Amino acid sequence: MTDKHKISQRAQAVRLNFFAKLEGLRIRLSLRLDLLQQGRKFSETQDQVAWALGELDRIRHHYDNGLPWPAGGWDWAVRNSWPAESDLREELLGLEGEYVKLANRKKGDGETGG
């Protein structure tokens, strides 16, 4: 196995891991939104969860089109509007760093799309 092939496999594994995390968050947020709409109480509001779902779509669109992390204050919005006790808060905060690493790897190995 050549070094280039190993790098390509690692890049693919990193990409798959990121998108698995993104999809897992999407599922959890969708379920949370459904439960909130049914009257269940969580530390987040319906608006916060709906916003995060929309942002996940925007993140995927940016990656698929070779764009940098979407501007708009993701980190600021999560830190300042999501309750500290939210079980999803830290996962949301970690996405930007993972995206940047993934995008840099994508540029470095010459591969496309996720």
PDB file of N, CA and C in Angstrom:
ATOM      1  N   MET A   1       0.850  -1.171   0.000  1.00  0.00           N
ATOM      2  CA  MET A   1       0.000   0.000   0.000  1.00  0.00           C
ATOM      3  C   MET A   1       0.901   1.240   0.000  1.00  0.00           C
ATOM      4  N   THR A   2       0.637   2.133  -0.928  1.00  0.00           N
ATOM      5  CA  THR A   2       1.454   3.340  -1.036  1.00  0.00           C
ATOM      6  C   THR A   2       1.065   4.350   0.038  1.00  0.00           C
ATOM      7  N   ASP A   3       1.996   5.281   0.272  1.00  0.00           N
ATOM      8  CA  ASP A   3       1.712   6.337   1.248  1.00  0.00           C
ATOM      9  C   ASP A   3       0.496   7.161   0.826  1.00  0.00           C
ATOM     10  N   LYS A   4       0.395   7.424  -0.478  1.00  0.00           N
ATOM     11  CA  LYS A   4      -0.739   8.209  -0.967  1.00  0.00           C
ATOM     12  C   LYS A   4      -2.053   7.470  -0.703  1.00  0.00           C
ATOM     13  N   HIS A   5      -2.039   6.153  -0.887  1.00  0.00           N
ATOM     14  CA  HIS A   5      -3.242   5.358  -0.633  1.00  0.00           C
ATOM     15  C   HIS A   5      -3.601   5.375   0.855  1.00  0.00           C
ATOM     16  N   LYS A   6      -2.592   5.291   1.723  1.00  0.00           N
ATOM     17  CA  LYS A   6      -2.834   5.342   3.169  1.00  0.00           C
ATOM     18  C   LYS A   6      -3.425   6.691   3.570  1.00  0.00           C
ATOM     19  N   ILE A   7      -2.870   7.761   3.001  1.00  0.00           N
ATOM     20  CA  ILE A   7      -3.377   9.104   3.289  1.00  0.00           C
ATOM     21  C   ILE A   7      -4.822   9.220   2.823  1.00  0.00           C
ATOM     22  N   SER A   8      -5.094   8.685   1.639  1.00  0.00           N
ATOM     23  CA  SER A   8      -6.447   8.726   1.107  1.00  0.00           C
ATOM     24  C   SER A   8      -7.419   7.961   2.004  1.00  0.00           C
ATOM     25  N   GLN A   9      -7.006   6.817   2.503  1.00  0.00           N
ATOM     26  CA  GLN A   9      -7.860   6.035   3.402  1.00  0.00           C
ATOM     27  C   GLN A   9      -8.101   6.778   4.717  1.00  0.00           C
ATOM     28  N   ARG A  10      -7.050   7.391   5.250  1.00  0.00           N
ATOM     29  CA  ARG A  10      -7.210   8.166   6.490  1.00  0.00           C
ATOM     30  C   ARG A  10      -8.146   9.345   6.271  1.00  0.00           C
ATOM     31  N   ALA A  11      -7.980  10.028   5.144  1.00  0.00           N
ATOM     32  CA  ALA A  11      -8.843  11.172   4.837  1.00  0.00           C
ATOM     33  C   ALA A  11     -10.298  10.724   4.730  1.00  0.00           C
ATOM     34  N   GLN A  12     -10.512   9.587   4.100  1.00  0.00           N
ATOM     35  CA  GLN A  12     -11.875   9.077   3.971  1.00  0.00           C
ATOM     36  C   GLN A  12     -12.448   8.708   5.339  1.00  0.00           C
ATOM     37  N   ALA A  13     -11.645   8.114   6.193  1.00  0.00           N
ATOM     38  CA  ALA A  13     -12.109   7.745   7.537  1.00  0.00           C
ATOM     39  C   ALA A  13     -12.473   8.990   8.344  1.00  0.00           C
ATOM     40  N   VAL A  14     -11.652  10.034   8.256  1.00  0.00           N
ATOM     41  CA  VAL A  14     -11.933  11.287   8.966  1.00  0.00           C
ATOM     42  C   VAL A  14     -13.230  11.898   8.446  1.00  0.00           C
ATOM     43  N   ARG A  15     -13.385  11.905   7.139  1.00  0.00           N
ATOM     44  CA  ARG A  15     -14.586  12.465   6.513  1.00  0.00           C
ATOM     45  C   ARG A  15     -15.839  11.686   6.944  1.00  0.00           C
ATOM     46  N   LEU A  16     -15.761  10.362   6.893  1.00  0.00           N
ATOM     47  CA  LEU A  16     -16.907   9.540   7.292  1.00  0.00           C
ATOM     48  C   LEU A  16     -17.260   9.743   8.762  1.00  0.00           C
ATOM     49  N   ASN A  17     -16.245   9.863   9.606  1.00  0.00           N
ATOM     50  CA  ASN A  17     -16.480  10.098  11.028  1.00  0.00           C
ATOM     51  C   ASN A  17     -17.190  11.438  11.250  1.00  0.00           C
ATOM     52  N   PHE A  18     -16.737  12.469  10.559  1.00  0.00           N
ATOM     53  CA  PHE A  18     -17.359  13.783  10.697  1.00  0.00           C
ATOM     54  C   PHE A  18     -18.820  13.741  10.264  1.00  0.00           C
ATOM     55  N   PHE A  19     -19.080  13.130   9.113  1.00  0.00           N
ATOM     56  CA  PHE A  19     -20.451  13.109   8.622  1.00  0.00           C
ATOM     57  C   PHE A  19     -21.341  12.175   9.423  1.00  0.00           C
ATOM     58  N   ALA A  20     -20.784  11.159  10.024  1.00  0.00           N
ATOM     59  CA  ALA A  20     -21.562  10.317  10.946  1.00  0.00           C
ATOM     60  C   ALA A  20     -21.960  11.138  12.172  1.00  0.00           C
ATOM     61  N   LYS A  21     -21.023  11.942  12.663  1.00  0.00           N
ATOM     62  CA  LYS A  21     -21.318  12.809  13.812  1.00  0.00           C
ATOM     63  C   LYS A  21     -22.380  13.842  13.435  1.00  0.00           C
ATOM     64  N   LEU A  22     -22.238  14.426  12.257  1.00  0.00           N
ATOM     65  CA  LEU A  22     -23.202  15.414  11.785  1.00  0.00           C
ATOM     66  C   LEU A  22     -24.596  14.791  11.663  1.00  0.00           C
ATOM     67  N   GLU A  23     -24.664  13.598  11.088  1.00  0.00           N
ATOM     68  CA  GLU A  23     -25.953  12.923  10.916  1.00  0.00           C
ATOM     69  C   GLU A  23     -26.541  12.500  12.263  1.00  0.00           C
ATOM     70  N   GLY A  24     -25.687  12.047  13.169  1.00  0.00           N
ATOM     71  CA  GLY A  24     -26.155  11.704  14.509  1.00  0.00           C
ATOM     72  C   GLY A  24     -26.753  12.910  15.218  1.00  0.00           C
ATOM     73  N   LEU A  25     -26.087  14.053  15.082  1.00  0.00           N
ATOM     74  CA  LEU A  25     -26.622  15.292  15.670  1.00  0.00           C
ATOM     75  C   LEU A  25     -27.945  15.679  15.021  1.00  0.00           C
ATOM     76  N   ARG A  26     -28.017  15.533  13.712  1.00  0.00           N
ATOM     77  CA  ARG A  26     -29.247  15.874  12.999  1.00  0.00           C
ATOM     78  C   ARG A  26     -30.417  15.024  13.527  1.00  0.00           C
ATOM     79  N   ILE A  27     -30.182  13.737  13.700  1.00  0.00           N
ATOM     80  CA  ILE A  27     -31.227  12.839  14.204  1.00  0.00           C
ATOM     81  C   ILE A  27     -31.631  13.231  15.622  1.00  0.00           C
ATOM     82  N   ARG A  28     -30.641  13.457  16.477  1.00  0.00           N
ATOM     83  CA  ARG A  28     -30.943  13.827  17.866  1.00  0.00           C
ATOM     84  C   ARG A  28     -31.684  15.158  17.944  1.00  0.00           C
ATOM     85  N   LEU A  29     -31.262  16.127  17.126  1.00  0.00           N
ATOM     86  CA  LEU A  29     -31.938  17.422  17.125  1.00  0.00           C
ATOM     87  C   LEU A  29     -33.366  17.298  16.588  1.00  0.00           C
ATOM     88  N   SER A  30     -33.553  16.492  15.562  1.00  0.00           N
ATOM     89  CA  SER A  30     -34.898  16.290  15.005  1.00  0.00           C
ATOM     90  C   SER A  30     -35.827  15.660  16.035  1.00  0.00           C
ATOM     91  N   LEU A  31     -35.320  14.653  16.729  1.00  0.00           N
ATOM     92  CA  LEU A  31     -36.121  14.021  17.784  1.00  0.00           C
ATOM     93  C   LEU A  31     -36.430  15.005  18.908  1.00  0.00           C
ATOM     94  N   ARG A  32     -35.429  15.794  19.282  1.00  0.00           N
ATOM     95  CA  ARG A  32     -35.629  16.785  20.341  1.00  0.00           C
ATOM     96  C   ARG A  32     -36.693  17.793  19.918  1.00  0.00           C
ATOM     97  N   LEU A  33     -36.635  18.236  18.668  1.00  0.00           N
ATOM     98  CA  LEU A  33     -37.625  19.197  18.183  1.00  0.00           C
ATOM     99  C   LEU A  33     -39.026  18.590  18.225  1.00  0.00           C
ATOM    100  N   ASP A  34     -39.156  17.347  17.789  1.00  0.00           N
ATOM    101  CA  ASP A  34     -40.461  16.671  17.849  1.00  0.00           C
ATOM    102  C   ASP A  34     -40.986  16.627  19.281  1.00  0.00           C
ATOM    103  N   LEU A  35     -40.127  16.256  20.212  1.00  0.00           N
ATOM    104  CA  LEU A  35     -40.549  16.170  21.616  1.00  0.00           C
ATOM    105  C   LEU A  35     -40.912  17.537  22.187  1.00  0.00           C
ATOM    106  N   LEU A  36     -40.138  18.560  21.823  1.00  0.00           N
ATOM    107  CA  LEU A  36     -40.460  19.918  22.273  1.00  0.00           C
ATOM    108  C   LEU A  36     -41.822  20.353  21.734  1.00  0.00           C
ATOM    109  N   GLN A  37     -42.084  20.027  20.472  1.00  0.00           N
ATOM    110  CA  GLN A  37     -43.363  20.394  19.869  1.00  0.00           C
ATOM    111  C   GLN A  37     -44.530  19.652  20.517  1.00  0.00           C
ATOM    112  N   GLN A  38     -44.248  18.505  21.108  1.00  0.00           N
ATOM    113  CA  GLN A  38     -45.278  17.736  21.817  1.00  0.00           C
ATOM    114  C   GLN A  38     -45.437  18.195  23.268  1.00  0.00           C
ATOM    115  N   GLY A  39     -44.653  19.191  23.671  1.00  0.00           N
ATOM    116  CA  GLY A  39     -44.795  19.746  25.007  1.00  0.00           C
ATOM    117  C   GLY A  39     -43.779  19.265  26.029  1.00  0.00           C
ATOM    118  N   ARG A  40     -42.853  18.391  25.631  1.00  0.00           N
ATOM    119  CA  ARG A  40     -41.809  17.949  26.566  1.00  0.00           C
ATOM    120  C   ARG A  40     -40.882  19.117  26.857  1.00  0.00           C
ATOM    121  N   LYS A  41     -40.296  19.114  28.022  1.00  0.00           N
ATOM    122  CA  LYS A  41     -39.403  20.195  28.448  1.00  0.00           C
ATOM    123  C   LYS A  41     -37.949  19.743  28.364  1.00  0.00           C
ATOM    124  N   PHE A  42     -37.135  20.583  27.764  1.00  0.00           N
ATOM    125  CA  PHE A  42     -35.685  20.402  27.699  1.00  0.00           C
ATOM    126  C   PHE A  42     -35.058  21.751  27.998  1.00  0.00           C
ATOM    127  N   SER A  43     -33.755  21.775  28.142  1.00  0.00           N
ATOM    128  CA  SER A  43     -33.097  23.050  28.423  1.00  0.00           C
ATOM    129  C   SER A  43     -33.082  23.960  27.195  1.00  0.00           C
ATOM    130  N   GLU A  44     -33.235  23.388  26.001  1.00  0.00           N
ATOM    131  CA  GLU A  44     -33.255  24.187  24.775  1.00  0.00           C
ATOM    132  C   GLU A  44     -34.695  24.523  24.402  1.00  0.00           C
ATOM    133  N   THR A  45     -34.827  25.565  23.586  1.00  0.00           N
ATOM    134  CA  THR A  45     -36.145  25.937  23.060  1.00  0.00           C
ATOM    135  C   THR A  45     -36.312  25.357  21.658  1.00  0.00           C
ATOM    136  N   GLN A  46     -37.543  25.374  21.168  1.00  0.00           N
ATOM    137  CA  GLN A  46     -37.803  24.928  19.796  1.00  0.00           C
ATOM    138  C   GLN A  46     -37.011  25.761  18.797  1.00  0.00           C
ATOM    139  N   ASP A  47     -36.940  27.063  19.025  1.00  0.00           N
ATOM    140  CA  ASP A  47     -36.208  27.944  18.110  1.00  0.00           C
ATOM    141  C   ASP A  47     -34.724  27.595  18.061  1.00  0.00           C
ATOM    142  N   GLN A  48     -34.130  27.312  19.206  1.00  0.00           N
ATOM    143  CA  GLN A  48     -32.707  26.958  19.236  1.00  0.00           C
ATOM    144  C   GLN A  48     -32.454  25.663  18.472  1.00  0.00           C
ATOM    145  N   VAL A  49     -33.293  24.688  18.676  1.00  0.00           N
ATOM    146  CA  VAL A  49     -33.107  23.394  18.016  1.00  0.00           C
ATOM    147  C   VAL A  49     -33.342  23.528  16.510  1.00  0.00           C
ATOM    148  N   ALA A  50     -34.380  24.262  16.115  1.00  0.00           N
ATOM    149  CA  ALA A  50     -34.651  24.471  14.690  1.00  0.00           C
ATOM    150  C   ALA A  50     -33.491  25.219  14.029  1.00  0.00           C
ATOM    151  N   TRP A  51     -32.934  26.203  14.713  1.00  0.00           N
ATOM    152  CA  TRP A  51     -31.786  26.944  14.186  1.00  0.00           C
ATOM    153  C   TRP A  51     -30.608  25.999  13.948  1.00  0.00           C
ATOM    154  N   ALA A  52     -30.313  25.152  14.926  1.00  0.00           N
ATOM    155  CA  ALA A  52     -29.180  24.234  14.798  1.00  0.00           C
ATOM    156  C   ALA A  52     -29.391  23.266  13.639  1.00  0.00           C
ATOM    157  N   LEU A  53     -30.606  22.783  13.453  1.00  0.00           N
ATOM    158  CA  LEU A  53     -30.888  21.886  12.324  1.00  0.00           C
ATOM    159  C   LEU A  53     -30.619  22.588  10.994  1.00  0.00           C
ATOM    160  N   GLY A  54     -31.062  23.829  10.872  1.00  0.00           N
ATOM    161  CA  GLY A  54     -30.805  24.591   9.652  1.00  0.00           C
ATOM    162  C   GLY A  54     -29.322  24.815   9.424  1.00  0.00           C
ATOM    163  N   GLU A  55     -28.599  25.071  10.501  1.00  0.00           N
ATOM    164  CA  GLU A  55     -27.160  25.292  10.385  1.00  0.00           C
ATOM    165  C   GLU A  55     -26.429  24.017   9.964  1.00  0.00           C
ATOM    166  N   LEU A  56     -26.885  22.856  10.412  1.00  0.00           N
ATOM    167  CA  LEU A  56     -26.247  21.603   9.990  1.00  0.00           C
ATOM    168  C   LEU A  56     -26.376  21.425   8.482  1.00  0.00           C
ATOM    169  N   ASP A  57     -27.525  21.796   7.923  1.00  0.00           N
ATOM    170  CA  ASP A  57     -27.699  21.734   6.470  1.00  0.00           C
ATOM    171  C   ASP A  57     -26.738  22.690   5.773  1.00  0.00           C
ATOM    172  N   ARG A  58     -26.578  23.867   6.345  1.00  0.00           N
ATOM    173  CA  ARG A  58     -25.677  24.869   5.762  1.00  0.00           C
ATOM    174  C   ARG A  58     -24.226  24.393   5.822  1.00  0.00           C
ATOM    175  N   ILE A  59     -23.850  23.758   6.924  1.00  0.00           N
ATOM    176  CA  ILE A  59     -22.488  23.230   7.067  1.00  0.00           C
ATOM    177  C   ILE A  59     -22.229  22.178   5.988  1.00  0.00           C
ATOM    178  N   ARG A  60     -23.157  21.268   5.801  1.00  0.00           N
ATOM    179  CA  ARG A  60     -22.991  20.217   4.790  1.00  0.00           C
ATOM    180  C   ARG A  60     -22.897  20.834   3.393  1.00  0.00           C
ATOM    181  N   HIS A  61     -23.741  21.806   3.108  1.00  0.00           N
ATOM    182  CA  HIS A  61     -23.710  22.482   1.810  1.00  0.00           C
ATOM    183  C   HIS A  61     -22.346  23.145   1.581  1.00  0.00           C
ATOM    184  N   HIS A  62     -21.834  23.803   2.585  1.00  0.00           N
ATOM    185  CA  HIS A  62     -20.531  24.461   2.454  1.00  0.00           C
ATOM    186  C   HIS A  62     -19.437  23.435   2.172  1.00  0.00           C
ATOM    187  N   TYR A  63     -19.440  22.325   2.906  1.00  0.00           N
ATOM    188  CA  TYR A  63     -18.407  21.313   2.687  1.00  0.00           C
ATOM    189  C   TYR A  63     -18.524  20.730   1.281  1.00  0.00           C
ATOM    190  N   ASP A  64     -19.721  20.361   0.878  1.00  0.00           N
ATOM    191  CA  ASP A  64     -19.925  19.744  -0.436  1.00  0.00           C
ATOM    192  C   ASP A  64     -19.488  20.654  -1.572  1.00  0.00           C
ATOM    193  N   ASN A  65     -19.531  21.955  -1.351  1.00  0.00           N
ATOM    194  CA  ASN A  65     -19.175  22.912  -2.394  1.00  0.00           C
ATOM    195  C   ASN A  65     -17.790  23.523  -2.207  1.00  0.00           C
ATOM    196  N   GLY A  66     -16.990  22.942  -1.326  1.00  0.00           N
ATOM    197  CA  GLY A  66     -15.612  23.391  -1.136  1.00  0.00           C
ATOM    198  C   GLY A  66     -15.488  24.760  -0.491  1.00  0.00           C
ATOM    199  N   LEU A  67     -16.489  25.159   0.261  1.00  0.00           N
ATOM    200  CA  LEU A  67     -16.486  26.474   0.899  1.00  0.00           C
ATOM    201  C   LEU A  67     -15.932  26.379   2.316  1.00  0.00           C
ATOM    202  N   PRO A  68     -15.415  27.494   2.835  1.00  0.00           N
ATOM    203  CA  PRO A  68     -14.942  27.482   4.226  1.00  0.00           C
ATOM    204  C   PRO A  68     -16.118  27.376   5.192  1.00  0.00           C
ATOM    205  N   TRP A  69     -15.795  27.201   6.466  1.00  0.00           N
ATOM    206  CA  TRP A  69     -16.817  27.139   7.512  1.00  0.00           C
ATOM    207  C   TRP A  69     -17.760  28.326   7.350  1.00  0.00           C
ATOM    208  N   PRO A  70     -19.068  28.108   7.411  1.00  0.00           N
ATOM    209  CA  PRO A  70     -20.022  29.203   7.214  1.00  0.00           C
ATOM    210  C   PRO A  70     -19.829  30.339   8.222  1.00  0.00           C
ATOM    211  N   ALA A  71     -19.792  31.543   7.707  1.00  0.00           N
ATOM    212  CA  ALA A  71     -19.705  32.715   8.588  1.00  0.00           C
ATOM    213  C   ALA A  71     -21.045  32.889   9.288  1.00  0.00           C
ATOM    214  N   GLY A  72     -21.045  33.602  10.355  1.00  0.00           N
ATOM    215  CA  GLY A  72     -22.313  33.883  11.005  1.00  0.00           C
ATOM    216  C   GLY A  72     -22.311  33.650  12.493  1.00  0.00           C
ATOM    217  N   GLY A  73     -21.159  33.386  13.056  1.00  0.00           N
ATOM    218  CA  GLY A  73     -21.075  33.321  14.499  1.00  0.00           C
ATOM    219  C   GLY A  73     -21.626  32.068  15.148  1.00  0.00           C
ATOM    220  N   TRP A  74     -21.394  30.904  14.549  1.00  0.00           N
ATOM    221  CA  TRP A  74     -21.848  29.627  15.112  1.00  0.00           C
ATOM    222  C   TRP A  74     -21.411  29.485  16.560  1.00  0.00           C
ATOM    223  N   ASP A  75     -20.110  29.608  16.783  1.00  0.00           N
ATOM    224  CA  ASP A  75     -19.559  29.426  18.124  1.00  0.00           C
ATOM    225  C   ASP A  75     -20.184  30.425  19.100  1.00  0.00           C
ATOM    226  N   TRP A  76     -20.266  31.682  18.681  1.00  0.00           N
ATOM    227  CA  TRP A  76     -20.842  32.713  19.531  1.00  0.00           C
ATOM    228  C   TRP A  76     -22.302  32.391  19.838  1.00  0.00           C
ATOM    229  N   ALA A  77     -23.056  32.011  18.818  1.00  0.00           N
ATOM    230  CA  ALA A  77     -24.480  31.724  19.004  1.00  0.00           C
ATOM    231  C   ALA A  77     -24.694  30.553  19.956  1.00  0.00           C
ATOM    232  N   VAL A  78     -23.902  29.504  19.793  1.00  0.00           N
ATOM    233  CA  VAL A  78     -24.064  28.342  20.669  1.00  0.00           C
ATOM    234  C   VAL A  78     -23.648  28.701  22.093  1.00  0.00           C
ATOM    235  N   ARG A  79     -22.489  29.345  22.238  1.00  0.00           N
ATOM    236  CA  ARG A  79     -22.005  29.693  23.580  1.00  0.00           C
ATOM    237  C   ARG A  79     -22.951  30.637  24.324  1.00  0.00           C
ATOM    238  N   ASN A  80     -23.532  31.580  23.596  1.00  0.00           N
ATOM    239  CA  ASN A  80     -24.331  32.613  24.246  1.00  0.00           C
ATOM    240  C   ASN A  80     -25.830  32.355  24.275  1.00  0.00           C
ATOM    241  N   SER A  81     -26.304  31.393  23.514  1.00  0.00           N
ATOM    242  CA  SER A  81     -27.751  31.182  23.532  1.00  0.00           C
ATOM    243  C   SER A  81     -28.155  29.775  23.958  1.00  0.00           C
ATOM    244  N   TRP A  82     -27.230  28.817  23.901  1.00  0.00           N
ATOM    245  CA  TRP A  82     -27.576  27.464  24.337  1.00  0.00           C
ATOM    246  C   TRP A  82     -27.273  27.321  25.816  1.00  0.00           C
ATOM    247  N   PRO A  83     -28.204  26.743  26.553  1.00  0.00           N
ATOM    248  CA  PRO A  83     -27.985  26.569  27.992  1.00  0.00           C
ATOM    249  C   PRO A  83     -26.782  25.673  28.269  1.00  0.00           C
ATOM    250  N   ALA A  84     -26.035  26.019  29.286  1.00  0.00           N
ATOM    251  CA  ALA A  84     -24.845  25.237  29.654  1.00  0.00           C
ATOM    252  C   ALA A  84     -25.202  23.795  29.982  1.00  0.00           C
ATOM    253  N   GLU A  85     -26.397  23.563  30.490  1.00  0.00           N
ATOM    254  CA  GLU A  85     -26.779  22.201  30.870  1.00  0.00           C
ATOM    255  C   GLU A  85     -27.251  21.352  29.685  1.00  0.00           C
ATOM    256  N   SER A  86     -27.295  21.923  28.492  1.00  0.00           N
ATOM    257  CA  SER A  86     -27.710  21.164  27.314  1.00  0.00           C
ATOM    258  C   SER A  86     -26.719  20.043  27.019  1.00  0.00           C
ATOM    259  N   ASP A  87     -27.247  18.849  26.818  1.00  0.00           N
ATOM    260  CA  ASP A  87     -26.383  17.712  26.498  1.00  0.00           C
ATOM    261  C   ASP A  87     -25.845  17.778  25.071  1.00  0.00           C
ATOM    262  N   LEU A  88     -26.364  18.672  24.259  1.00  0.00           N
ATOM    263  CA  LEU A  88     -25.914  18.796  22.871  1.00  0.00           C
ATOM    264  C   LEU A  88     -24.931  19.951  22.667  1.00  0.00           C
ATOM    265  N   ARG A  89     -24.821  20.823  23.632  1.00  0.00           N
ATOM    266  CA  ARG A  89     -24.029  22.055  23.492  1.00  0.00           C
ATOM    267  C   ARG A  89     -22.570  21.788  23.113  1.00  0.00           C
ATOM    268  N   GLU A  90     -21.896  20.927  23.843  1.00  0.00           N
ATOM    269  CA  GLU A  90     -20.474  20.677  23.572  1.00  0.00           C
ATOM    270  C   GLU A  90     -20.263  20.030  22.202  1.00  0.00           C
ATOM    271  N   GLU A  91     -21.176  19.159  21.810  1.00  0.00           N
ATOM    272  CA  GLU A  91     -21.070  18.552  20.478  1.00  0.00           C
ATOM    273  C   GLU A  91     -21.194  19.611  19.395  1.00  0.00           C
ATOM    274  N   LEU A  92     -22.112  20.527  19.571  1.00  0.00           N
ATOM    275  CA  LEU A  92     -22.283  21.603  18.600  1.00  0.00           C
ATOM    276  C   LEU A  92     -21.048  22.497  18.557  1.00  0.00           C
ATOM    277  N   LEU A  93     -20.485  22.788  19.723  1.00  0.00           N
ATOM    278  CA  LEU A  93     -19.297  23.646  19.777  1.00  0.00           C
ATOM    279  C   LEU A  93     -18.093  22.989  19.113  1.00  0.00           C
ATOM    280  N   GLY A  94     -17.992  21.687  19.160  1.00  0.00           N
ATOM    281  CA  GLY A  94     -16.847  20.995  18.586  1.00  0.00           C
ATOM    282  C   GLY A  94     -16.873  20.868  17.074  1.00  0.00           C
ATOM    283  N   LEU A  95     -18.001  21.156  16.452  1.00  0.00           N
ATOM    284  CA  LEU A  95     -18.120  20.947  15.011  1.00  0.00           C
ATOM    285  C   LEU A  95     -17.198  21.833  14.183  1.00  0.00           C
ATOM    286  N   GLU A  96     -17.054  23.092  14.568  1.00  0.00           N
ATOM    287  CA  GLU A  96     -16.259  24.012  13.749  1.00  0.00           C
ATOM    288  C   GLU A  96     -14.813  23.545  13.639  1.00  0.00           C
ATOM    289  N   GLY A  97     -14.196  23.169  14.754  1.00  0.00           N
ATOM    290  CA  GLY A  97     -12.815  22.700  14.719  1.00  0.00           C
ATOM    291  C   GLY A  97     -12.655  21.449  13.871  1.00  0.00           C
ATOM    292  N   GLU A  98     -13.605  20.540  13.978  1.00  0.00           N
ATOM    293  CA  GLU A  98     -13.548  19.321  13.176  1.00  0.00           C
ATOM    294  C   GLU A  98     -13.726  19.634  11.696  1.00  0.00           C
ATOM    295  N   TYR A  99     -14.605  20.568  11.383  1.00  0.00           N
ATOM    296  CA  TYR A  99     -14.837  20.955   9.995  1.00  0.00           C
ATOM    297  C   TYR A  99     -13.571  21.553   9.386  1.00  0.00           C
ATOM    298  N   VAL A 100     -12.926  22.428  10.133  1.00  0.00           N
ATOM    299  CA  VAL A 100     -11.710  23.080   9.634  1.00  0.00           C
ATOM    300  C   VAL A 100     -10.625  22.034   9.379  1.00  0.00           C
ATOM    301  N   LYS A 101     -10.452  21.092  10.308  1.00  0.00           N
ATOM    302  CA  LYS A 101      -9.467  20.021  10.100  1.00  0.00           C
ATOM    303  C   LYS A 101      -9.822  19.206   8.866  1.00  0.00           C
ATOM    304  N   LEU A 102     -11.082  18.893   8.703  1.00  0.00           N
ATOM    305  CA  LEU A 102     -11.533  18.105   7.566  1.00  0.00           C
ATOM    306  C   LEU A 102     -11.321  18.859   6.257  1.00  0.00           C
ATOM    307  N   ALA A 103     -11.666  20.134   6.236  1.00  0.00           N
ATOM    308  CA  ALA A 103     -11.487  20.943   5.030  1.00  0.00           C
ATOM    309  C   ALA A 103     -10.010  21.072   4.676  1.00  0.00           C
ATOM    310  N   ASN A 104      -9.149  21.237   5.680  1.00  0.00           N
ATOM    311  CA  ASN A 104      -7.713  21.324   5.417  1.00  0.00           C
ATOM    312  C   ASN A 104      -7.190  20.007   4.870  1.00  0.00           C
ATOM    313  N   ARG A 105      -7.658  18.902   5.405  1.00  0.00           N
ATOM    314  CA  ARG A 105      -7.246  17.587   4.917  1.00  0.00           C
ATOM    315  C   ARG A 105      -7.723  17.399   3.480  1.00  0.00           C
ATOM    316  N   LYS A 106      -8.935  17.853   3.198  1.00  0.00           N
ATOM    317  CA  LYS A 106      -9.499  17.742   1.852  1.00  0.00           C
ATOM    318  C   LYS A 106      -8.621  18.487   0.854  1.00  0.00           C
ATOM    319  N   LYS A 107      -8.177  19.689   1.216  1.00  0.00           N
ATOM    320  CA  LYS A 107      -7.293  20.463   0.343  1.00  0.00           C
ATOM    321  C   LYS A 107      -5.952  19.766   0.170  1.00  0.00           C
ATOM    322  N   GLY A 108      -5.450  19.192   1.255  1.00  0.00           N
ATOM    323  CA  GLY A 108      -4.131  18.574   1.240  1.00  0.00           C
ATOM    324  C   GLY A 108      -4.042  17.285   0.460  1.00  0.00           C
ATOM    325  N   ASP A 109      -5.130  16.515   0.388  1.00  0.00           N
ATOM    326  CA  ASP A 109      -5.035  15.232  -0.308  1.00  0.00           C
ATOM    327  C   ASP A 109      -5.628  15.273  -1.712  1.00  0.00           C
ATOM    328  N   GLY A 110      -6.160  16.427  -2.093  1.00  0.00           N
ATOM    329  CA  GLY A 110      -6.669  16.573  -3.442  1.00  0.00           C
ATOM    330  C   GLY A 110      -7.969  15.833  -3.706  1.00  0.00           C
ATOM    331  N   GLU A 111      -8.605  15.332  -2.666  1.00  0.00           N
ATOM    332  CA  GLU A 111      -9.862  14.619  -2.863  1.00  0.00           C
ATOM    333  C   GLU A 111     -11.014  15.600  -2.857  1.00  0.00           C
ATOM    334  N   THR A 112     -12.154  15.129  -3.300  1.00  0.00           N
ATOM    335  CA  THR A 112     -13.331  15.986  -3.354  1.00  0.00           C
ATOM    336  C   THR A 112     -14.451  15.417  -2.524  1.00  0.00           C
ATOM    337  N   GLY A 113     -15.410  16.310  -2.257  1.00  0.00           N
ATOM    338  CA  GLY A 113     -16.686  15.957  -1.643  1.00  0.00           C
ATOM    339  C   GLY A 113     -16.706  15.006  -0.488  1.00  0.00           C
ATOM    340  N   GLY A 114     -17.843  15.014   0.252  1.00  0.00           N
ATOM    341  CA  GLY A 114     -18.002  14.189   1.428  1.00  0.00           C
ATOM    342  C   GLY A 114     -19.111  13.221   1.331  1.00  0.00           C
TER     343      GLY A 114
END
